[in-house]
C-alpha atoms as a PDB file:
ATOM      1  CA  MET A   1      80.303 -52.029 199.749  1.00  0.00           C
ATOM      2  CA  GLY A   2      77.673 -50.131 201.731  1.00  0.00           C
ATOM      3  CA  HIS A   3      75.976 -49.790 205.069  1.00  0.00           C
ATOM      4  CA  ILE A   4      73.169 -51.686 206.753  1.00  0.00           C
ATOM      5  CA  LEU A   5      70.935 -49.918 209.262  1.00  0.00           C
ATOM      6  CA  ILE A   6      69.296 -52.205 211.809  1.00  0.00           C
ATOM      7  CA  VAL A   7      67.134 -50.650 214.514  1.00  0.00           C
ATOM      8  CA  SER A   8      66.546 -52.857 217.524  1.00  0.00           C
ATOM      9  CA  ASP A   9      65.394 -52.573 221.114  1.00  0.00           C
ATOM     10  CA  LEU A  10      67.370 -55.659 222.146  1.00  0.00           C
ATOM     11  CA  ASP A  11      69.833 -55.200 224.972  1.00  0.00           C
ATOM     12  CA  ARG A  12      72.676 -56.880 223.094  1.00  0.00           C
ATOM     13  CA  PRO A  13      75.871 -55.725 221.410  1.00  0.00           C
ATOM     14  CA  PRO A  14      75.552 -54.650 217.764  1.00  0.00           C
ATOM     15  CA  GLU A  15      77.482 -57.685 216.552  1.00  0.00           C
ATOM     16  CA  ALA A  16      75.010 -60.050 218.229  1.00  0.00           C
ATOM     17  CA  VAL A  17      72.025 -58.228 216.680  1.00  0.00           C
ATOM     18  CA  TYR A  18      73.638 -58.440 213.244  1.00  0.00           C
ATOM     19  CA  LEU A  19      74.269 -62.185 213.660  1.00  0.00           C
ATOM     20  CA  LEU A  20      70.595 -62.659 214.592  1.00  0.00           C
ATOM     21  CA  TYR A  21      69.614 -60.781 211.440  1.00  0.00           C
ATOM     22  CA  LYS A  22      71.881 -62.960 209.293  1.00  0.00           C
ATOM     23  CA  ARG A  23      70.448 -66.129 210.865  1.00  0.00           C
ATOM     24  CA  ARG A  24      66.873 -64.949 210.206  1.00  0.00           C
ATOM     25  CA  ASP A  25      67.746 -64.261 206.577  1.00  0.00           C
ATOM     26  CA  LYS A  26      69.149 -67.782 206.177  1.00  0.00           C
ATOM     27  CA  VAL A  27      65.953 -69.287 207.631  1.00  0.00           C
ATOM     28  CA  GLU A  28      63.744 -67.291 205.253  1.00  0.00           C
ATOM     29  CA  LYS A  29      65.830 -68.291 202.231  1.00  0.00           C
ATOM     30  CA  GLN A  30      65.771 -71.955 203.267  1.00  0.00           C
ATOM     31  CA  PHE A  31      61.991 -71.820 203.716  1.00  0.00           C
ATOM     32  CA  GLU A  32      61.663 -70.489 200.154  1.00  0.00           C
ATOM     33  CA  VAL A  33      63.802 -73.393 198.900  1.00  0.00           C
ATOM     34  CA  TRP A  34      61.616 -75.906 200.771  1.00  0.00           C
ATOM     35  CA  LYS A  35      58.433 -74.360 199.391  1.00  0.00           C
ATOM     36  CA  SER A  36      59.848 -74.614 195.872  1.00  0.00           C
ATOM     37  CA  THR A  37      60.952 -78.212 196.443  1.00  0.00           C
ATOM     38  CA  LEU A  38      57.515 -79.163 197.771  1.00  0.00           C
ATOM     39  CA  GLN A  39      55.802 -77.120 195.046  1.00  0.00           C
ATOM     40  CA  ALA A  40      53.973 -75.277 197.819  1.00  0.00           C
ATOM     41  CA  ASP A  41      53.632 -71.874 196.232  1.00  0.00           C
ATOM     42  CA  ARG A  42      50.730 -69.589 197.047  1.00  0.00           C
ATOM     43  CA  THR A  43      49.189 -69.562 193.550  1.00  0.00           C
ATOM     44  CA  TRP A  44      48.614 -73.313 193.703  1.00  0.00           C
ATOM     45  CA  LEU A  45      47.537 -73.654 197.345  1.00  0.00           C
ATOM     46  CA  ARG A  46      45.828 -70.240 197.594  1.00  0.00           C
ATOM     47  CA  ASP A  47      46.174 -69.559 201.350  1.00  0.00           C
ATOM     48  CA  ASP A  48      48.332 -70.051 204.441  1.00  0.00           C
ATOM     49  CA  VAL A  49      46.201 -72.955 205.708  1.00  0.00           C
ATOM     50  CA  GLY A  50      46.721 -74.850 202.464  1.00  0.00           C
ATOM     51  CA  ILE A  51      50.468 -74.285 202.592  1.00  0.00           C
ATOM     52  CA  PHE A  52      50.628 -75.388 206.235  1.00  0.00           C
ATOM     53  CA  GLY A  53      48.636 -78.554 205.500  1.00  0.00           C
ATOM     54  CA  HIS A  54      50.763 -79.384 202.469  1.00  0.00           C
ATOM     55  CA  VAL A  55      54.036 -78.910 204.371  1.00  0.00           C
ATOM     56  CA  PHE A  56      52.695 -80.749 207.455  1.00  0.00           C
ATOM     57  CA  VAL A  57      51.724 -83.822 205.452  1.00  0.00           C
END
């Protein structure tokens, strides 16, 4: 299927670094889903402070 190149200065085995990368990707995708669910996109709220306030409330 292909290759993935991950450069890291962590003192961990390659498998552990890859699992961290996969977990980070899942978090980012879930955050996008939550923003869509809350209708908290940047064009409507305009800045990071607005998004934070909307999500916090």
